[in-house]
Amino acid sequence: MPQPRRKSRTQATREAVQQASKVAEAREAARQIGGRSGEPSAAERRRAERDPLTGELRKREVLPLLVLHFMKQGPSYGNQLMERISRVTAGVLSVNPNTMYPLLRQLEERGLIEGKWEHPERRSRRYYSLTKEGEDEYGRLVSDTRPFLDSVQRSIEEIVREVYG
């Protein structure tokens, strides 16, 4: 009987992170659709306690970090940001419009980014640029998020090593 082909560690890691990211994205989209903002509800906190990876992904602001990172390179629009995030994470983290556009509005309301219509006379693309406050927030997120991302990486590598050898 032929042996089943083992997945590479890289592939197994990508699949594990992709599954966790999909759950986190679905929960965030559901929260956004519900129209709530700010602190997570008690139910969301309980779910995060049961599922620390996806809860921490939301809590640690990985998506805002990536959005501000790409805007630091120049003005960007929503679909472009979604594509860049998908590309840089090799498709592991895909963001849908129900997550991206509320996030962009929130960042704009906080004064971290500034949006301008490509053609103000008709609502086409809205390009967002980083403000001085956004640059400061980006610096904070870079330093605050790195230890968390390192721990996620170590954890996933350990899981892959344990399961796949």
C-alpha atoms as a PDB file:
ATOM      1  CA  MET A   1       0.000   0.000   0.000  1.00  0.00           C
ATOM      2  CA  PRO A   2       1.563   3.359  -1.013  1.00  0.00           C
ATOM      3  CA  GLN A   3       2.449   5.811   1.763  1.00  0.00           C
ATOM      4  CA  PRO A   4       0.409   9.047   1.753  1.00  0.00           C
ATOM      5  CA  ARG A   5       2.473  12.016   0.679  1.00  0.00           C
ATOM      6  CA  ARG A   6       3.496  14.191   3.629  1.00  0.00           C
ATOM      7  CA  LYS A   7       2.966  17.900   3.422  1.00  0.00           C
ATOM      8  CA  SER A   8       5.966  20.140   3.607  1.00  0.00           C
ATOM      9  CA  ARG A   9       6.363  22.113   6.806  1.00  0.00           C
ATOM     10  CA  THR A  10       5.840  25.331   4.906  1.00  0.00           C
ATOM     11  CA  GLN A  11       2.587  24.075   3.380  1.00  0.00           C
ATOM     12  CA  ALA A  12       1.343  22.738   6.707  1.00  0.00           C
ATOM     13  CA  THR A  13       2.183  26.047   8.401  1.00  0.00           C
ATOM     14  CA  ARG A  14       0.383  28.024   5.700  1.00  0.00           C
ATOM     15  CA  GLU A  15      -2.701  25.830   5.999  1.00  0.00           C
ATOM     16  CA  ALA A  16      -2.777  26.157   9.790  1.00  0.00           C
ATOM     17  CA  VAL A  17      -2.463  29.945   9.663  1.00  0.00           C
ATOM     18  CA  GLN A  18      -4.984  30.188   6.820  1.00  0.00           C
ATOM     19  CA  GLN A  19      -7.599  28.298   8.831  1.00  0.00           C
ATOM     20  CA  ALA A  20      -6.993  30.492  11.883  1.00  0.00           C
ATOM     21  CA  SER A  21      -7.135  33.638   9.732  1.00  0.00           C
ATOM     22  CA  LYS A  22     -10.435  32.636   8.122  1.00  0.00           C
ATOM     23  CA  VAL A  23     -12.031  32.155  11.523  1.00  0.00           C
ATOM     24  CA  ALA A  24     -10.689  35.487  12.767  1.00  0.00           C
ATOM     25  CA  GLU A  25     -11.867  37.271   9.611  1.00  0.00           C
ATOM     26  CA  ALA A  26     -15.359  35.772   9.838  1.00  0.00           C
ATOM     27  CA  ARG A  27     -15.670  36.820  13.465  1.00  0.00           C
ATOM     28  CA  GLU A  28     -14.434  40.330  12.725  1.00  0.00           C
ATOM     29  CA  ALA A  29     -16.820  40.686   9.769  1.00  0.00           C
ATOM     30  CA  ALA A  30     -19.728  39.514  11.926  1.00  0.00           C
ATOM     31  CA  ARG A  31     -18.757  42.031  14.606  1.00  0.00           C
ATOM     32  CA  GLN A  32     -18.519  44.840  12.026  1.00  0.00           C
ATOM     33  CA  ILE A  33     -21.848  43.948  10.400  1.00  0.00           C
ATOM     34  CA  GLY A  34     -23.460  44.071  13.813  1.00  0.00           C
ATOM     35  CA  GLY A  35     -22.534  47.761  13.861  1.00  0.00           C
ATOM     36  CA  ARG A  36     -20.604  47.631  17.097  1.00  0.00           C
ATOM     37  CA  SER A  37     -17.271  49.267  17.572  1.00  0.00           C
ATOM     38  CA  GLY A  38     -14.764  49.531  20.340  1.00  0.00           C
ATOM     39  CA  GLU A  39     -14.228  46.867  22.983  1.00  0.00           C
ATOM     40  CA  PRO A  40     -15.214  43.251  22.299  1.00  0.00           C
ATOM     41  CA  SER A  41     -18.377  41.960  23.922  1.00  0.00           C
ATOM     42  CA  ALA A  42     -18.315  39.457  26.797  1.00  0.00           C
ATOM     43  CA  ALA A  43     -19.219  36.691  24.323  1.00  0.00           C
ATOM     44  CA  GLU A  44     -16.322  37.696  22.069  1.00  0.00           C
ATOM     45  CA  ARG A  45     -13.942  37.686  25.039  1.00  0.00           C
ATOM     46  CA  ARG A  46     -15.117  34.190  26.002  1.00  0.00           C
ATOM     47  CA  ARG A  47     -14.582  32.979  22.417  1.00  0.00           C
ATOM     48  CA  ALA A  48     -11.106  34.547  22.416  1.00  0.00           C
ATOM     49  CA  GLU A  49     -10.296  32.712  25.639  1.00  0.00           C
ATOM     50  CA  ARG A  50     -11.309  29.430  23.979  1.00  0.00           C
ATOM     51  CA  ASP A  51      -9.475  30.308  20.763  1.00  0.00           C
ATOM     52  CA  PRO A  52      -6.393  32.320  21.748  1.00  0.00           C
ATOM     53  CA  LEU A  53      -4.836  32.530  18.284  1.00  0.00           C
ATOM     54  CA  THR A  54      -7.743  34.195  16.497  1.00  0.00           C
ATOM     55  CA  GLY A  55      -8.615  36.279  19.547  1.00  0.00           C
ATOM     56  CA  GLU A  56      -5.058  37.527  19.762  1.00  0.00           C
ATOM     57  CA  LEU A  57      -4.868  38.237  16.013  1.00  0.00           C
ATOM     58  CA  ARG A  58      -7.765  40.649  16.476  1.00  0.00           C
ATOM     59  CA  LYS A  59      -6.485  42.053  19.730  1.00  0.00           C
ATOM     60  CA  ARG A  60      -2.931  42.592  18.491  1.00  0.00           C
ATOM     61  CA  GLU A  61      -4.006  44.652  15.468  1.00  0.00           C
ATOM     62  CA  VAL A  62      -2.161  42.689  12.783  1.00  0.00           C
ATOM     63  CA  LEU A  63      -4.477  43.923  10.023  1.00  0.00           C
ATOM     64  CA  PRO A  64      -4.116  47.642  10.894  1.00  0.00           C
ATOM     65  CA  LEU A  65      -0.341  47.087  11.033  1.00  0.00           C
ATOM     66  CA  LEU A  66      -0.341  45.735   7.472  1.00  0.00           C
ATOM     67  CA  VAL A  67      -2.661  48.475   6.204  1.00  0.00           C
ATOM     68  CA  LEU A  68      -0.507  51.249   7.685  1.00  0.00           C
ATOM     69  CA  HIS A  69       2.628  49.478   6.447  1.00  0.00           C
ATOM     70  CA  PHE A  70       1.436  49.549   2.853  1.00  0.00           C
ATOM     71  CA  MET A  71       0.263  53.155   3.133  1.00  0.00           C
ATOM     72  CA  LYS A  72       3.717  54.120   4.376  1.00  0.00           C
ATOM     73  CA  GLN A  73       4.908  53.130   0.897  1.00  0.00           C
ATOM     74  CA  GLY A  74       2.407  55.500  -0.734  1.00  0.00           C
ATOM     75  CA  PRO A  75      -1.310  56.243  -1.122  1.00  0.00           C
ATOM     76  CA  SER A  76      -3.441  53.110  -1.453  1.00  0.00           C
ATOM     77  CA  TYR A  77      -7.085  52.187  -2.030  1.00  0.00           C
ATOM     78  CA  GLY A  78      -9.113  49.399  -0.432  1.00  0.00           C
ATOM     79  CA  ASN A  79      -8.998  46.720  -3.137  1.00  0.00           C
ATOM     80  CA  GLN A  80      -5.294  47.336  -3.629  1.00  0.00           C
ATOM     81  CA  LEU A  81      -4.685  46.849   0.085  1.00  0.00           C
ATOM     82  CA  MET A  82      -6.692  43.612   0.117  1.00  0.00           C
ATOM     83  CA  GLU A  83      -4.638  42.270  -2.815  1.00  0.00           C
ATOM     84  CA  ARG A  84      -1.319  43.310  -1.253  1.00  0.00           C
ATOM     85  CA  ILE A  85      -2.170  41.679   2.077  1.00  0.00           C
ATOM     86  CA  SER A  86      -3.184  38.477   0.309  1.00  0.00           C
ATOM     87  CA  ARG A  87       0.015  38.540  -1.760  1.00  0.00           C
ATOM     88  CA  VAL A  88       2.406  39.242   1.139  1.00  0.00           C
ATOM     89  CA  THR A  89       0.832  36.468   3.229  1.00  0.00           C
ATOM     90  CA  ALA A  90       0.804  34.050   0.264  1.00  0.00           C
ATOM     91  CA  GLY A  91      -3.001  33.933   0.476  1.00  0.00           C
ATOM     92  CA  VAL A  92      -2.989  32.847   4.105  1.00  0.00           C
ATOM     93  CA  LEU A  93      -4.609  36.097   5.222  1.00  0.00           C
ATOM     94  CA  SER A  94      -7.286  37.197   2.805  1.00  0.00           C
ATOM     95  CA  VAL A  95      -9.352  40.227   3.712  1.00  0.00           C
ATOM     96  CA  ASN A  96     -12.823  40.884   2.361  1.00  0.00           C
ATOM     97  CA  PRO A  97     -14.497  44.274   1.809  1.00  0.00           C
ATOM     98  CA  ASN A  98     -16.711  43.802   4.897  1.00  0.00           C
ATOM     99  CA  THR A  99     -13.538  43.913   6.964  1.00  0.00           C
ATOM    100  CA  MET A 100     -11.357  46.330   4.984  1.00  0.00           C
ATOM    101  CA  TYR A 101     -13.703  49.260   4.426  1.00  0.00           C
ATOM    102  CA  PRO A 102     -14.933  49.570   8.026  1.00  0.00           C
ATOM    103  CA  LEU A 103     -11.289  49.414   9.116  1.00  0.00           C
ATOM    104  CA  LEU A 104     -10.344  52.197   6.681  1.00  0.00           C
ATOM    105  CA  ARG A 105     -13.228  54.347   7.946  1.00  0.00           C
ATOM    106  CA  GLN A 106     -12.154  53.717  11.543  1.00  0.00           C
ATOM    107  CA  LEU A 107      -8.527  54.625  10.806  1.00  0.00           C
ATOM    108  CA  GLU A 108      -9.693  57.780   9.031  1.00  0.00           C
ATOM    109  CA  GLU A 109     -11.961  58.757  11.950  1.00  0.00           C
ATOM    110  CA  ARG A 110      -8.993  58.319  14.300  1.00  0.00           C
ATOM    111  CA  GLY A 111      -6.938  60.683  12.135  1.00  0.00           C
ATOM    112  CA  LEU A 112      -4.380  58.025  11.240  1.00  0.00           C
ATOM    113  CA  ILE A 113      -5.097  58.131   7.512  1.00  0.00           C
ATOM    114  CA  GLU A 114      -6.622  60.673   5.157  1.00  0.00           C
ATOM    115  CA  GLY A 115      -8.830  59.684   2.226  1.00  0.00           C
ATOM    116  CA  LYS A 116      -9.306  61.545  -1.050  1.00  0.00           C
ATOM    117  CA  TRP A 117     -11.384  60.567  -4.056  1.00  0.00           C
ATOM    118  CA  GLU A 118      -9.438  59.934  -7.251  1.00  0.00           C
ATOM    119  CA  HIS A 119     -12.121  61.912  -9.128  1.00  0.00           C
ATOM    120  CA  PRO A 120     -14.014  64.077  -6.599  1.00  0.00           C
ATOM    121  CA  GLU A 121     -16.852  64.754  -9.057  1.00  0.00           C
ATOM    122  CA  ARG A 122     -17.702  61.039  -9.155  1.00  0.00           C
ATOM    123  CA  ARG A 123     -17.036  58.534  -6.440  1.00  0.00           C
ATOM    124  CA  SER A 124     -14.418  56.307  -7.976  1.00  0.00           C
ATOM    125  CA  ARG A 125     -11.433  55.113  -5.991  1.00  0.00           C
ATOM    126  CA  ARG A 126     -10.709  56.575  -2.598  1.00  0.00           C
ATOM    127  CA  TYR A 127      -6.982  56.791  -1.999  1.00  0.00           C
ATOM    128  CA  TYR A 128      -5.789  56.797   1.582  1.00  0.00           C
ATOM    129  CA  SER A 129      -2.545  58.318   2.820  1.00  0.00           C
ATOM    130  CA  LEU A 130      -0.802  58.089   6.152  1.00  0.00           C
ATOM    131  CA  THR A 131      -0.953  61.148   8.393  1.00  0.00           C
ATOM    132  CA  LYS A 132       1.725  62.126  10.922  1.00  0.00           C
ATOM    133  CA  GLU A 133      -0.440  60.485  13.611  1.00  0.00           C
ATOM    134  CA  GLY A 134      -0.654  57.393  11.407  1.00  0.00           C
ATOM    135  CA  GLU A 135       3.132  57.243  11.111  1.00  0.00           C
ATOM    136  CA  ASP A 136       3.394  57.398  14.904  1.00  0.00           C
ATOM    137  CA  GLU A 137       0.775  54.653  15.280  1.00  0.00           C
ATOM    138  CA  TYR A 138       2.580  52.532  12.692  1.00  0.00           C
ATOM    139  CA  GLY A 139       5.787  52.790  14.726  1.00  0.00           C
ATOM    140  CA  ARG A 140       3.922  51.756  17.873  1.00  0.00           C
ATOM    141  CA  LEU A 141       2.278  48.784  16.128  1.00  0.00           C
ATOM    142  CA  VAL A 142       5.600  47.637  14.650  1.00  0.00           C
ATOM    143  CA  SER A 143       7.209  47.433  18.069  1.00  0.00           C
ATOM    144  CA  ASP A 144       4.139  46.162  19.953  1.00  0.00           C
ATOM    145  CA  THR A 145       3.166  43.479  17.426  1.00  0.00           C
ATOM    146  CA  ARG A 146       6.580  41.903  16.750  1.00  0.00           C
ATOM    147  CA  PRO A 147       6.784  39.819  19.942  1.00  0.00           C
ATOM    148  CA  PHE A 148       3.288  38.443  19.306  1.00  0.00           C
ATOM    149  CA  LEU A 149       4.072  37.543  15.679  1.00  0.00           C
ATOM    150  CA  ASP A 150       7.307  35.868  16.776  1.00  0.00           C
ATOM    151  CA  SER A 151       5.423  33.782  19.341  1.00  0.00           C
ATOM    152  CA  VAL A 152       2.794  32.750  16.751  1.00  0.00           C
ATOM    153  CA  GLN A 153       5.569  31.740  14.371  1.00  0.00           C
ATOM    154  CA  ARG A 154       7.321  29.678  17.046  1.00  0.00           C
ATOM    155  CA  SER A 155       4.047  28.034  18.071  1.00  0.00           C
ATOM    156  CA  ILE A 156       3.103  27.063  14.530  1.00  0.00           C
ATOM    157  CA  GLU A 157       6.610  25.764  13.829  1.00  0.00           C
ATOM    158  CA  GLU A 158       6.402  23.638  16.983  1.00  0.00           C
ATOM    159  CA  ILE A 159       2.987  22.275  15.986  1.00  0.00           C
ATOM    160  CA  VAL A 160       4.271  21.403  12.516  1.00  0.00           C
ATOM    161  CA  ARG A 161       7.418  19.813  13.965  1.00  0.00           C
ATOM    162  CA  GLU A 162       5.362  17.794  16.446  1.00  0.00           C
ATOM    163  CA  VAL A 163       2.754  16.579  13.957  1.00  0.00           C
ATOM    164  CA  TYR A 164       4.763  16.256  10.756  1.00  0.00           C
ATOM    165  CA  GLY A 165       8.175  15.413  12.136  1.00  0.00           C
END
